[in-house]
């Protein structure tokens, strides 16, 4: 090996060439079969507002969002790229927004919307200190019931079927 070739190899090693990542582990790639990728983002945090958003990336489509009693859920599941079905999507956004009221009271909003244009929203009030329970990205096996945030005794959750 010539001296120049040797120096080139050493320079590349010292530069820290990026290593390839296993398929499916990139942040915005599709998750493994039977899983959903949940990507957490803090949108806003002030003394009056706490807003987190989770992007959901699936390896299947969901068609219908719904929210009841602080539980957001998706339904009408079908395979990604199923040529016989339409109207679903594999990317969804879930928002939790806490807005300070008077005293110890807060208003909460739970919103679930898909790239198919469908949205579900629910609001409520409670006392206590808002707490975000999922702050980091994660891959979760389906079916999943994820506790996203809490206000006093009220826990806001996300249910994703298989």
Protein backbone atom coordinates (compact mmCIF):
# COMPACT_ATOMS: atom_id res chain seq x y z
CA UNK A 1 0.00 0.00 0.00
CA UNK A 2 1.38 3.35 -0.94
CA UNK A 3 1.85 6.05 1.64
CA UNK A 4 -0.90 8.17 0.02
CA UNK A 5 -3.41 5.30 0.13
CA UNK A 6 -2.54 4.64 3.77
CA UNK A 7 -3.05 8.32 4.69
CA UNK A 8 -6.39 8.33 2.84
CA UNK A 9 -7.62 5.31 4.82
CA UNK A 10 -6.51 6.89 8.12
CA UNK A 11 -8.17 10.20 7.19
CA UNK A 12 -11.45 8.44 6.39
CA UNK A 13 -11.37 6.55 9.68
CA UNK A 14 -10.69 9.73 11.64
CA UNK A 15 -13.45 11.61 9.79
CA UNK A 16 -16.00 9.18 11.18
CA UNK A 17 -17.66 7.89 8.04
CA UNK A 18 -21.34 7.29 8.71
CA UNK A 19 -22.23 3.70 9.29
CA UNK A 20 -25.23 2.26 7.46
CA UNK A 21 -28.25 1.64 9.69
CA UNK A 22 -30.27 -1.55 9.59
CA UNK A 23 -33.33 -1.34 7.32
CA UNK A 24 -36.35 0.06 9.15
CA UNK A 25 -34.45 1.87 11.90
CA UNK A 26 -34.26 5.30 10.27
CA UNK A 27 -36.51 7.76 12.10
CA UNK A 28 -38.96 8.28 9.23
CA UNK A 29 -38.86 4.79 7.73
CA UNK A 30 -41.67 2.28 8.02
CA UNK A 31 -41.49 0.27 11.24
CA UNK A 32 -41.13 -3.49 11.44
CA UNK A 33 -44.16 -5.66 10.68
CA UNK A 34 -46.69 -5.59 13.50
CA UNK A 35 -45.37 -2.29 14.93
CA UNK A 36 -46.06 1.42 14.84
CA UNK A 37 -43.37 4.09 15.09
CA UNK A 38 -44.26 6.91 17.52
CA UNK A 39 -42.20 10.11 17.09
CA UNK A 40 -42.55 12.68 19.89
CA UNK A 41 -42.10 16.45 19.45
CA UNK A 42 -42.49 19.20 22.04
CA UNK A 43 -44.30 21.93 20.09
CA UNK A 44 -44.61 24.55 22.85
CA UNK A 45 -43.93 24.85 26.56
CA UNK A 46 -44.70 28.05 28.46
CA UNK A 47 -46.23 28.65 31.92
CA UNK A 48 -49.66 28.88 30.19
CA UNK A 49 -49.37 26.18 27.49
CA UNK A 50 -47.94 22.68 27.08
CA UNK A 51 -48.28 21.17 23.61
CA UNK A 52 -46.82 17.85 22.45
CA UNK A 53 -47.34 16.14 19.12
CA UNK A 54 -46.73 12.52 18.21
CA UNK A 55 -46.36 11.37 14.61
CA UNK A 56 -47.54 7.82 14.05
CA UNK A 57 -45.99 5.85 11.20
CA UNK A 58 -47.55 2.47 10.52
CA UNK A 59 -46.84 -0.43 8.25
CA UNK A 60 -50.59 -0.63 7.65
CA UNK A 61 -53.44 1.84 7.02
CA UNK A 62 -56.09 3.04 9.44
CA UNK A 63 -59.20 4.79 8.16
CA UNK A 64 -61.19 6.23 11.06
CA UNK A 65 -60.04 8.32 14.07
CA UNK A 66 -62.22 8.65 17.17
CA UNK A 67 -61.86 10.04 20.69
CA UNK A 68 -63.98 9.32 23.74
CA UNK A 69 -63.32 9.99 27.42
CA UNK A 70 -59.69 10.96 26.79
CA UNK A 71 -58.89 7.90 24.66
CA UNK A 72 -57.96 8.49 21.02
CA UNK A 73 -58.20 5.47 18.76
CA UNK A 74 -57.86 4.37 15.16
CA UNK A 75 -60.00 1.77 13.42
CA UNK A 76 -60.80 0.17 10.06
CA UNK A 77 -57.38 -1.36 9.46
CA UNK A 78 -56.09 -2.70 6.16
CA UNK A 79 -52.74 -3.60 4.62
CA UNK A 80 -50.54 -0.89 3.19
CA UNK A 81 -50.89 -0.77 -0.61
CA UNK A 82 -54.02 -2.96 -0.65
CA UNK A 83 -55.41 -2.32 -4.16
CA UNK A 84 -58.98 -3.17 -3.09
CA UNK A 85 -59.25 -0.51 -0.33
CA UNK A 86 -59.18 3.28 -0.29
CA UNK A 87 -59.56 6.06 2.26
CA UNK A 88 -57.02 5.09 4.90
CA UNK A 89 -53.52 6.28 5.65
CA UNK A 90 -50.49 5.06 7.56
CA UNK A 91 -49.42 8.46 8.94
CA UNK A 92 -51.32 10.19 11.75
CA UNK A 93 -50.67 13.10 14.10
CA UNK A 94 -51.82 13.07 17.70
CA UNK A 95 -51.73 16.32 19.68
CA UNK A 96 -52.19 16.98 23.39
CA UNK A 97 -52.53 20.65 24.29
CA UNK A 98 -52.87 21.87 27.88
CA UNK A 99 -53.93 25.52 28.36
CA UNK A 100 -53.81 27.17 31.80
CA UNK A 101 -57.12 28.32 33.25
CA UNK A 102 -57.72 29.97 36.60
CA UNK A 103 -56.06 28.71 39.77
CA UNK A 104 -54.98 25.08 39.44
CA UNK A 105 -57.33 24.40 36.49
CA UNK A 106 -56.21 23.50 32.98
CA UNK A 107 -58.11 22.83 29.77
CA UNK A 108 -56.90 19.90 27.70
CA UNK A 109 -57.41 19.10 24.04
CA UNK A 110 -56.73 15.70 22.47
CA UNK A 111 -56.67 15.67 18.66
CA UNK A 112 -56.00 12.85 16.18
CA UNK A 113 -55.77 13.58 12.46
CA UNK A 114 -54.65 11.63 9.44
CA UNK A 115 -53.16 12.46 6.08
CA UNK A 116 -56.52 11.27 4.68
CA UNK A 117 -58.12 14.48 6.04
CA UNK A 118 -60.06 12.86 8.89
CA UNK A 119 -59.83 14.39 12.38
CA UNK A 120 -61.24 13.65 15.83
CA UNK A 121 -61.02 16.11 18.74
CA UNK A 122 -62.07 16.13 22.38
CA UNK A 123 -61.61 18.73 25.10
CA UNK A 124 -61.96 18.71 28.86
CA UNK A 125 -60.81 20.40 32.04
CA UNK A 126 -58.96 19.24 35.11
CA UNK A 127 -56.82 20.29 38.03
CA UNK A 128 -53.21 19.54 38.76
CA UNK A 129 -49.97 19.79 36.86
CA UNK A 130 -49.92 18.55 33.24
CA UNK A 131 -47.44 15.77 32.65
CA UNK A 132 -46.22 14.33 29.34
CA UNK A 133 -45.63 10.59 29.65
CA UNK A 134 -44.11 9.84 26.21
CA UNK A 135 -41.28 12.27 25.38
CA UNK A 136 -39.04 9.99 23.31
CA UNK A 137 -39.45 8.21 19.99
CA UNK A 138 -40.39 4.55 20.20
CA UNK A 139 -41.44 1.57 18.14
CA UNK A 140 -44.41 -0.18 19.74
CA UNK A 141 -45.90 -3.59 18.98
CA UNK A 142 -49.54 -3.64 17.88
CA UNK A 143 -52.15 -3.66 19.32
CA UNK A 144 -50.97 -0.73 21.44
CA UNK A 145 -52.53 1.28 24.25
CA UNK A 146 -50.17 4.20 24.91
CA UNK A 147 -50.55 6.61 27.84
CA UNK A 148 -49.47 9.95 26.36
CA UNK A 149 -50.17 12.55 29.05
CA UNK A 150 -51.76 13.06 32.45
CA UNK A 151 -53.58 15.87 34.26
CA UNK A 152 -54.45 15.03 37.85
CA UNK A 153 -56.29 11.70 37.72
CA UNK A 154 -57.07 12.01 33.98
CA UNK A 155 -54.79 10.08 31.63
CA UNK A 156 -54.97 10.80 27.89
CA UNK A 157 -54.27 7.68 25.85
CA UNK A 158 -53.90 6.46 22.29
CA UNK A 159 -55.19 3.04 21.19
CA UNK A 160 -53.88 1.57 17.94
CA UNK A 161 -55.33 -1.78 16.77
CA UNK A 162 -53.50 -4.57 15.02
